[in-house]
Amino acid sequence: MSTPRDLLIITLDSETSRPVEQGDLSLALAGAELIDLLAAEAVRLDGDQLVPGLAPPVADRLLGEAAGALVREAPYESVADWLWRRGRGLAAAYRAELEGEGQLVRPPRRGISFRAGPPELVDSSVRRQAADRWAADEPVLAGLAQALGVRPRRAGSADSASPEAADDTVATVLATVNDALVELAAVRQRRSIEDAAFDNIWRGSGG
């Protein structure tokens, strides 16, 4: 079981009111990696600091890469710092991994422009495993997906209470992911306002 893979599959497979921003997805994937590393005892939390632990073999390549990316000397990294550092471009990395494994394929080119459509998930045991975990309302996967605005397809589920994390360490990671997403949204809004103001000045100057 790989929480980052399952999260990406669920995000690609679910209906959302708006497309999930790649930056948001990358932050959530970094949080998912961290939760799996905590479960594997590859790292532990001391307050909000990530203290590396055992180095167990990890079957998933990108998760193994994440374990190798842990800061192993004091002063250790905070959960928030990990999300921003590890999350950079992580959504694209996981998409490329799924494509390389044949789990995500591009449909044939159609139409006059001969442009291929967006990649599509194939029917596989990996996809079914993620769907089963999602249908079971597994708290970690549900918490990360809800932070991204992804909701179960079942009727009435959008009004259900947020899932509770299994323990305090997982709750800390989920809360930090949510905080990072709020911060990223604020940065986007500020840039949008600044761009709009610049456009108004440019038009007013006759540029």
C-alpha atoms as a PDB file:
ATOM      1  CA  MET A   1       0.000   0.000   0.000  1.00  0.00           C
ATOM      2  CA  SER A   2       1.334   3.434  -0.974  1.00  0.00           C
ATOM      3  CA  THR A   3      -0.672   6.385   0.272  1.00  0.00           C
ATOM      4  CA  PRO A   4       0.818   8.840  -2.281  1.00  0.00           C
ATOM      5  CA  ARG A   5      -0.053   6.558  -5.195  1.00  0.00           C
ATOM      6  CA  ASP A   6      -3.537   5.915  -3.841  1.00  0.00           C
ATOM      7  CA  LEU A   7      -4.075   9.646  -3.346  1.00  0.00           C
ATOM      8  CA  LEU A   8      -3.020  10.458  -6.913  1.00  0.00           C
ATOM      9  CA  ILE A   9      -5.238   7.696  -8.316  1.00  0.00           C
ATOM     10  CA  ILE A  10      -8.243   8.863  -6.286  1.00  0.00           C
ATOM     11  CA  THR A  11      -7.641  12.461  -7.368  1.00  0.00           C
ATOM     12  CA  LEU A  12      -7.509  11.433 -11.028  1.00  0.00           C
ATOM     13  CA  ASP A  13     -10.496   9.128 -10.639  1.00  0.00           C
ATOM     14  CA  SER A  14     -12.854  11.441  -8.740  1.00  0.00           C
ATOM     15  CA  GLU A  15     -15.157  14.207  -9.791  1.00  0.00           C
ATOM     16  CA  THR A  16     -14.290  17.602  -8.308  1.00  0.00           C
ATOM     17  CA  SER A  17     -15.971  20.986  -8.553  1.00  0.00           C
ATOM     18  CA  ARG A  18     -12.688  22.434  -9.816  1.00  0.00           C
ATOM     19  CA  PRO A  19      -9.432  20.934 -11.086  1.00  0.00           C
ATOM     20  CA  VAL A  20      -6.923  20.150  -8.353  1.00  0.00           C
ATOM     21  CA  GLU A  21      -3.957  22.507  -8.623  1.00  0.00           C
ATOM     22  CA  GLN A  22      -0.680  20.661  -9.183  1.00  0.00           C
ATOM     23  CA  GLY A  23       1.017  22.621  -6.412  1.00  0.00           C
ATOM     24  CA  ASP A  24      -1.718  21.596  -3.975  1.00  0.00           C
ATOM     25  CA  LEU A  25      -1.443  17.975  -5.058  1.00  0.00           C
ATOM     26  CA  SER A  26       2.343  18.039  -4.651  1.00  0.00           C
ATOM     27  CA  LEU A  27       2.062  19.280  -1.062  1.00  0.00           C
ATOM     28  CA  ALA A  28      -0.529  16.613  -0.240  1.00  0.00           C
ATOM     29  CA  LEU A  29       1.622  13.895  -1.832  1.00  0.00           C
ATOM     30  CA  ALA A  30       4.587  14.975   0.296  1.00  0.00           C
ATOM     31  CA  GLY A  31       2.327  14.673   3.342  1.00  0.00           C
ATOM     32  CA  ALA A  32       1.197  11.228   2.210  1.00  0.00           C
ATOM     33  CA  GLU A  33       4.816  10.112   1.842  1.00  0.00           C
ATOM     34  CA  LEU A  34       5.582  11.338   5.339  1.00  0.00           C
ATOM     35  CA  ILE A  35       2.628   9.434   6.821  1.00  0.00           C
ATOM     36  CA  ASP A  36       3.842   6.221   5.169  1.00  0.00           C
ATOM     37  CA  LEU A  37       7.396   6.828   6.429  1.00  0.00           C
ATOM     38  CA  LEU A  38       6.052   7.363   9.961  1.00  0.00           C
ATOM     39  CA  ALA A  39       4.156   4.071   9.715  1.00  0.00           C
ATOM     40  CA  ALA A  40       7.340   2.313   8.542  1.00  0.00           C
ATOM     41  CA  GLU A  41       9.284   3.855  11.470  1.00  0.00           C
ATOM     42  CA  ALA A  42      11.659   5.476   9.005  1.00  0.00           C
ATOM     43  CA  VAL A  43      11.026   8.765  10.835  1.00  0.00           C
ATOM     44  CA  ARG A  44       9.366   9.956  14.036  1.00  0.00           C
ATOM     45  CA  LEU A  45       8.015  13.270  15.234  1.00  0.00           C
ATOM     46  CA  ASP A  46       9.602  15.182  18.079  1.00  0.00           C
ATOM     47  CA  GLY A  47       7.182  18.077  18.396  1.00  0.00           C
ATOM     48  CA  ASP A  48       7.012  19.160  14.766  1.00  0.00           C
ATOM     49  CA  GLN A  49      10.573  18.063  13.975  1.00  0.00           C
ATOM     50  CA  LEU A  50      11.254  15.022  11.787  1.00  0.00           C
ATOM     51  CA  VAL A  51      13.810  12.757  13.464  1.00  0.00           C
ATOM     52  CA  PRO A  52      15.023   9.965  11.155  1.00  0.00           C
ATOM     53  CA  GLY A  53      14.696   6.454  12.492  1.00  0.00           C
ATOM     54  CA  LEU A  54      15.182   3.055  10.922  1.00  0.00           C
ATOM     55  CA  ALA A  55      15.974   2.650   7.263  1.00  0.00           C
ATOM     56  CA  PRO A  56      13.726  -0.294   6.317  1.00  0.00           C
ATOM     57  CA  PRO A  57      13.656  -1.446   2.705  1.00  0.00           C
ATOM     58  CA  VAL A  58      10.866   0.275   0.796  1.00  0.00           C
ATOM     59  CA  ALA A  59       9.368  -1.421  -2.259  1.00  0.00           C
ATOM     60  CA  ASP A  60       8.013   1.788  -3.769  1.00  0.00           C
ATOM     61  CA  ARG A  61      10.775   3.669  -5.607  1.00  0.00           C
ATOM     62  CA  LEU A  62       9.547   7.199  -4.919  1.00  0.00           C
ATOM     63  CA  LEU A  63       8.830   6.394  -1.284  1.00  0.00           C
ATOM     64  CA  GLY A  64      12.344   5.039  -0.979  1.00  0.00           C
ATOM     65  CA  GLU A  65      13.586   8.262  -2.531  1.00  0.00           C
ATOM     66  CA  ALA A  66      11.602  10.179   0.082  1.00  0.00           C
ATOM     67  CA  ALA A  67      13.194   8.159   2.900  1.00  0.00           C
ATOM     68  CA  GLY A  68      16.615   8.975   1.490  1.00  0.00           C
ATOM     69  CA  ALA A  69      15.737  12.670   1.391  1.00  0.00           C
ATOM     70  CA  LEU A  70      15.193  12.948   5.161  1.00  0.00           C
ATOM     71  CA  VAL A  71      17.534  15.343   6.966  1.00  0.00           C
ATOM     72  CA  ARG A  72      19.641  13.050   9.153  1.00  0.00           C
ATOM     73  CA  GLU A  73      21.585  15.544  11.235  1.00  0.00           C
ATOM     74  CA  ALA A  74      20.404  18.113  13.777  1.00  0.00           C
ATOM     75  CA  PRO A  75      18.873  20.622  13.461  1.00  0.00           C
ATOM     76  CA  TYR A  76      16.192  18.477  11.918  1.00  0.00           C
ATOM     77  CA  GLU A  77      13.534  19.604   9.483  1.00  0.00           C
ATOM     78  CA  SER A  78      10.005  20.606  10.476  1.00  0.00           C
ATOM     79  CA  VAL A  79       6.970  18.965   8.902  1.00  0.00           C
ATOM     80  CA  ALA A  80       6.137  22.217   7.086  1.00  0.00           C
ATOM     81  CA  ASP A  81       9.670  22.565   5.698  1.00  0.00           C
ATOM     82  CA  TRP A  82       9.516  18.961   4.477  1.00  0.00           C
ATOM     83  CA  LEU A  83       6.236  19.581   2.634  1.00  0.00           C
ATOM     84  CA  TRP A  84       7.601  22.608   0.773  1.00  0.00           C
ATOM     85  CA  ARG A  85      10.976  21.042  -0.038  1.00  0.00           C
ATOM     86  CA  ARG A  86       9.915  17.519  -0.912  1.00  0.00           C
ATOM     87  CA  GLY A  87       6.680  18.645  -2.549  1.00  0.00           C
ATOM     88  CA  ARG A  88       8.362  20.657  -5.289  1.00  0.00           C
ATOM     89  CA  GLY A  89       7.299  18.986  -8.567  1.00  0.00           C
ATOM     90  CA  LEU A  90       6.157  15.828  -6.765  1.00  0.00           C
ATOM     91  CA  ALA A  91       2.815  15.523  -8.576  1.00  0.00           C
ATOM     92  CA  ALA A  92       4.610  15.393 -11.932  1.00  0.00           C
ATOM     93  CA  ALA A  93       7.030  12.778 -10.560  1.00  0.00           C
ATOM     94  CA  TYR A  94       4.227  10.476  -9.433  1.00  0.00           C
ATOM     95  CA  ARG A  95       2.343  10.939 -12.687  1.00  0.00           C
ATOM     96  CA  ALA A  96       5.485  10.007 -14.626  1.00  0.00           C
ATOM     97  CA  GLU A  97       5.933   6.955 -12.403  1.00  0.00           C
ATOM     98  CA  LEU A  98       2.388   5.741 -13.088  1.00  0.00           C
ATOM     99  CA  GLU A  99       2.829   6.348 -16.809  1.00  0.00           C
ATOM    100  CA  GLY A 100       6.121   4.451 -16.796  1.00  0.00           C
ATOM    101  CA  GLU A 101       4.399   1.479 -15.168  1.00  0.00           C
ATOM    102  CA  GLY A 102       1.518   1.562 -17.654  1.00  0.00           C
ATOM    103  CA  GLN A 103      -0.995   2.495 -14.935  1.00  0.00           C
ATOM    104  CA  LEU A 104      -1.678   5.824 -16.658  1.00  0.00           C
ATOM    105  CA  VAL A 105      -1.907   5.928 -20.449  1.00  0.00           C
ATOM    106  CA  ARG A 106      -2.540   8.613 -23.018  1.00  0.00           C
ATOM    107  CA  PRO A 107      -5.502   7.977 -25.340  1.00  0.00           C
ATOM    108  CA  PRO A 108      -4.907   7.925 -29.106  1.00  0.00           C
ATOM    109  CA  ARG A 109      -4.820  11.250 -30.923  1.00  0.00           C
ATOM    110  CA  ARG A 110      -8.170  12.314 -32.336  1.00  0.00           C
ATOM    111  CA  GLY A 111      -9.647  15.147 -34.358  1.00  0.00           C
ATOM    112  CA  ILE A 112      -8.151  17.598 -36.798  1.00  0.00           C
ATOM    113  CA  SER A 113      -5.495  18.818 -34.363  1.00  0.00           C
ATOM    114  CA  PHE A 114      -4.405  15.240 -33.595  1.00  0.00           C
ATOM    115  CA  ARG A 115      -3.883  16.248 -29.998  1.00  0.00           C
ATOM    116  CA  ALA A 116      -3.897  13.482 -27.437  1.00  0.00           C
ATOM    117  CA  GLY A 117      -6.299  13.803 -24.528  1.00  0.00           C
ATOM    118  CA  PRO A 118      -5.225  13.813 -20.888  1.00  0.00           C
ATOM    119  CA  PRO A 119      -3.764  10.571 -19.480  1.00  0.00           C
ATOM    120  CA  GLU A 120      -6.304   8.029 -18.303  1.00  0.00           C
ATOM    121  CA  LEU A 121      -6.086   5.368 -15.602  1.00  0.00           C
ATOM    122  CA  VAL A 122      -6.200   1.771 -16.778  1.00  0.00           C
ATOM    123  CA  ASP A 123      -8.261  -0.867 -14.990  1.00  0.00           C
ATOM    124  CA  SER A 124      -5.724  -2.556 -12.730  1.00  0.00           C
ATOM    125  CA  SER A 125      -5.314  -4.096  -9.290  1.00  0.00           C
ATOM    126  CA  VAL A 126      -3.511  -0.920  -8.196  1.00  0.00           C
ATOM    127  CA  ARG A 127      -6.493   1.215  -9.161  1.00  0.00           C
ATOM    128  CA  ARG A 128      -8.949  -1.185  -7.511  1.00  0.00           C
ATOM    129  CA  GLN A 129      -6.891  -1.226  -4.308  1.00  0.00           C
ATOM    130  CA  ALA A 130      -7.014   2.574  -4.132  1.00  0.00           C
ATOM    131  CA  ALA A 131     -10.766   2.513  -4.839  1.00  0.00           C
ATOM    132  CA  ASP A 132     -11.343  -0.040  -2.058  1.00  0.00           C
ATOM    133  CA  ARG A 133      -9.387   2.068   0.408  1.00  0.00           C
ATOM    134  CA  TRP A 134     -11.367   5.143  -0.646  1.00  0.00           C
ATOM    135  CA  ALA A 135     -14.707   3.341  -0.365  1.00  0.00           C
ATOM    136  CA  ALA A 136     -13.780   2.192   3.142  1.00  0.00           C
ATOM    137  CA  ASP A 137     -13.309   5.841   4.259  1.00  0.00           C
ATOM    138  CA  GLU A 138      -9.766   5.106   5.420  1.00  0.00           C
ATOM    139  CA  PRO A 139      -9.024   8.197   7.568  1.00  0.00           C
ATOM    140  CA  VAL A 140      -5.598   9.115   6.175  1.00  0.00           C
ATOM    141  CA  LEU A 141      -6.548   8.886   2.518  1.00  0.00           C
ATOM    142  CA  ALA A 142      -9.894  10.585   3.167  1.00  0.00           C
ATOM    143  CA  GLY A 143      -8.260  13.397   5.125  1.00  0.00           C
ATOM    144  CA  LEU A 144      -5.700  14.146   2.416  1.00  0.00           C
ATOM    145  CA  ALA A 145      -8.279  13.940  -0.367  1.00  0.00           C
ATOM    146  CA  GLN A 146     -10.715  16.222   1.429  1.00  0.00           C
ATOM    147  CA  ALA A 147      -7.939  18.775   1.938  1.00  0.00           C
ATOM    148  CA  LEU A 148      -7.681  18.857  -1.858  1.00  0.00           C
ATOM    149  CA  GLY A 149     -11.423  19.299  -2.291  1.00  0.00           C
ATOM    150  CA  VAL A 150     -11.992  15.726  -3.449  1.00  0.00           C
ATOM    151  CA  ARG A 151     -15.171  14.164  -2.117  1.00  0.00           C
ATOM    152  CA  PRO A 152     -16.573  10.629  -2.270  1.00  0.00           C
ATOM    153  CA  ARG A 153     -19.117  10.039  -5.008  1.00  0.00           C
ATOM    154  CA  ARG A 154     -21.636   8.557  -2.575  1.00  0.00           C
ATOM    155  CA  ALA A 155     -24.772  10.640  -2.049  1.00  0.00           C
ATOM    156  CA  GLY A 156     -24.686  12.821   1.040  1.00  0.00           C
ATOM    157  CA  SER A 157     -21.001  12.230   1.723  1.00  0.00           C
ATOM    158  CA  ALA A 158     -20.074  15.856   1.096  1.00  0.00           C
ATOM    159  CA  ASP A 159     -21.939  16.831   4.253  1.00  0.00           C
ATOM    160  CA  SER A 160     -20.315  14.171   6.405  1.00  0.00           C
ATOM    161  CA  ALA A 161     -17.899  15.054   9.175  1.00  0.00           C
ATOM    162  CA  SER A 162     -14.197  15.163   8.446  1.00  0.00           C
ATOM    163  CA  PRO A 163     -12.479  11.844   9.162  1.00  0.00           C
ATOM    164  CA  GLU A 164     -10.479  11.594  12.371  1.00  0.00           C
ATOM    165  CA  ALA A 165      -6.801  10.725  12.113  1.00  0.00           C
ATOM    166  CA  ALA A 166      -5.652   7.463  13.643  1.00  0.00           C
ATOM    167  CA  ASP A 167      -3.090   9.072  16.011  1.00  0.00           C
ATOM    168  CA  ASP A 168      -1.531  12.375  16.999  1.00  0.00           C
ATOM    169  CA  THR A 169       1.410  12.155  14.595  1.00  0.00           C
ATOM    170  CA  VAL A 170      -0.860  11.611  11.607  1.00  0.00           C
ATOM    171  CA  ALA A 171      -3.134  14.407  12.830  1.00  0.00           C
ATOM    172  CA  THR A 172      -0.105  16.718  12.983  1.00  0.00           C
ATOM    173  CA  VAL A 173       0.856  15.927   9.395  1.00  0.00           C
ATOM    174  CA  LEU A 174      -2.715  16.372   8.133  1.00  0.00           C
ATOM    175  CA  ALA A 175      -3.050  19.705   9.946  1.00  0.00           C
ATOM    176  CA  THR A 176       0.259  20.911   8.503  1.00  0.00           C
ATOM    177  CA  VAL A 177      -0.808  19.892   4.997  1.00  0.00           C
ATOM    178  CA  ASN A 178      -3.994  21.921   5.437  1.00  0.00           C
ATOM    179  CA  ASP A 179      -2.014  24.929   6.679  1.00  0.00           C
ATOM    180  CA  ALA A 180       0.355  24.690   3.698  1.00  0.00           C
ATOM    181  CA  LEU A 181      -2.568  24.547   1.256  1.00  0.00           C
ATOM    182  CA  VAL A 182      -4.101  27.654   2.842  1.00  0.00           C
ATOM    183  CA  GLU A 183      -0.748  29.430   2.579  1.00  0.00           C
ATOM    184  CA  LEU A 184      -0.351  28.464  -1.076  1.00  0.00           C
ATOM    185  CA  ALA A 185      -3.879  29.680  -1.857  1.00  0.00           C
ATOM    186  CA  ALA A 186      -3.055  33.017  -0.215  1.00  0.00           C
ATOM    187  CA  VAL A 187       0.094  33.335  -2.340  1.00  0.00           C
ATOM    188  CA  ARG A 188      -1.927  32.661  -5.512  1.00  0.00           C
ATOM    189  CA  GLN A 189      -4.541  35.243  -4.525  1.00  0.00           C
ATOM    190  CA  ARG A 190      -1.902  37.872  -3.774  1.00  0.00           C
ATOM    191  CA  ARG A 191      -0.218  37.273  -7.120  1.00  0.00           C
ATOM    192  CA  SER A 192      -3.561  37.483  -8.905  1.00  0.00           C
ATOM    193  CA  ILE A 193      -4.286  40.840  -7.270  1.00  0.00           C
ATOM    194  CA  GLU A 194      -0.810  42.133  -8.094  1.00  0.00           C
ATOM    195  CA  ASP A 195      -1.120  41.001 -11.732  1.00  0.00           C
ATOM    196  CA  ALA A 196      -4.534  42.655 -12.055  1.00  0.00           C
ATOM    197  CA  ALA A 197      -3.178  45.905 -10.604  1.00  0.00           C
ATOM    198  CA  PHE A 198      -0.240  45.836 -13.024  1.00  0.00           C
ATOM    199  CA  ASP A 199      -2.581  45.275 -15.972  1.00  0.00           C
ATOM    200  CA  ASN A 200      -4.688  48.282 -14.920  1.00  0.00           C
ATOM    201  CA  ILE A 201      -1.611  50.497 -14.644  1.00  0.00           C
ATOM    202  CA  TRP A 202      -0.359  49.275 -18.026  1.00  0.00           C
ATOM    203  CA  ARG A 203      -3.684  50.038 -19.707  1.00  0.00           C
ATOM    204  CA  GLY A 204      -3.914  53.422 -18.022  1.00  0.00           C
ATOM    205  CA  SER A 205      -0.491  54.395 -19.310  1.00  0.00           C
ATOM    206  CA  GLY A 206      -1.493  53.438 -22.847  1.00  0.00           C
ATOM    207  CA  GLY A 207       1.120  50.653 -22.960  1.00  0.00           C
END
